[in-house]
Amino acid sequence: MQEPTIQYVAAAIFAVALLHTFAVKQFERLSHRFPRHAGLFHLLGEVEVVFGFWAIVLVLAMALLVGGDGALGYAESRNYTEPLFVFVVMVVAASRPVLRTVMSGVSTIARVLPLPTPVAAAWLGLAAVPLLGSLVTEPAAMTIAALMLAPQIFRPKVPEAVKYLALGVLFVNVSIGGTLTSYAAPPVLMVASTWQWDSAFMLATFGWKAAVAVVVNATVATVVLRKHLPAASAADAALAEAPVPPAVALTHLVLLAGIVLFAHHPVAFLGLFLMFLGFTQAYERHQSPLIIKEALLVGFFLAGLVVLGGMQRWWLEPVVSSLEPLALFFSALGLTAITDNAALTYLGSLISNISDESKYMLVAGAVAGGGLTVIANAPNPAGVALLKRGFSDETIGAGGLLLGALGPTLVAAAAFMLL
């Protein structure tokens, strides 16, 4: 079978997968309407399952078109380092010693700020933690922020529109908050080595502008949220539990730092993860249940995106390479919503003789649009997995997320274009 046929089939399956992400709420409602098949509809209503499911369909279709060896060869040729890393860093960052350490710092700062503690804690969760992602990587920042904010904001009693605004702000802020360094944001990492962008360059060119947008977005969201926050902050509630010995907390933080340091070396960070699992078993009394299920689902989602996205280069690359800088910015902003922003910047890194202005516009558009959909930025599925229980039907609608992220995205775009 000719290669173009496979490309067209892959593009069609990718389009169906995108439509599926917008229909997850409908599948969840069907599970209540037809209880006999509730399990199947509930599975199809899990947004983290969508791309993994359609990636399997793609591989089966390729097996029919080119044979099993060709399909298996393609699947094995993909790089799954990012899905593996996100799985590992989610589990470690969500562990009780790490969360308690971060929440202790948040609680201390919140008491110093001239605001009610719950309001200050919510603002820090939407502003400071996403910026922390420039040090600990965006997936870790997303995990910590989601678990901190879940009991404060993402509760059944909070109006859905307010929760979607907070979710949009969180996703956009995490996407742009990792641009203060050259290694924390996946779309930056894809080009940093090729274009010789170090952390000093990122801070001077992107980072301070991103920080301004993060503060503006978090402040607006907190003003909207202030009437819906509980009397006590989540950090205070967590600190009321039994304390974690400093040595245990330090061990978790050292292992997390090692995992972040070796983020692009699966053998190393998986070895550290196995050490982490052994340590949590040895000191089980100081642990909460690990989020293995949620992290596995996110890893499955991202692995599916790797498989599906790898077959979209044939139409994405000509689009990226043919545009002038300003058009490239807005195209990257829009294309990011339908394809992972790291994949988009990677294609840009392959373009020979690309101008410095085009480089800036491509990355700025990719990170600014990173909160528009679940697939726009690698950490987004982690946020969905950890926060969806606070929404109606326990699912996050793609349309609601898009609307909630539009305002914060415009703020981010304006910061990169005008500052």
Foldseek 3Di string as FASTA:
>chain_A
DDPVVLLVVLVVLLVVLVVLQQCLVVLLVVCVVDVVCNVVSPQSSQNLCRLLVSLVVSLVVVCVVPNNVVSVVLLVPFDLLLLLLLLLLLLLLLKLLNLLVVLVVQQVVLVVDPDQSQLSSQLCLQAVLLLCLLPLALLSSLNSSLVQCQVWALAQVHDLLLNLLSLLSNQLLNLQSNQLAQQRFLQSVLQCVLVVPGNVNSNVQRNVLSNVLSNVSSVVSSVVCVVPGDNDGSSVVSVVDDDDPPVLSVLSVVLSNQSSVVSPPVVRNVVSSVVVVVVCVVVVVSTDDGPNVLSVSLSSSVSSLSSSVVSNCVPLLVVLQPDDQVVLLVVLLVVLQSHALNSNSNSVSPDPPDDPSNNLSSSLSLSLNRQQFCRSGSSSSSSLSSRQCSDPSSHDRSVSNNVSNPVSSVSSSCSNPPD
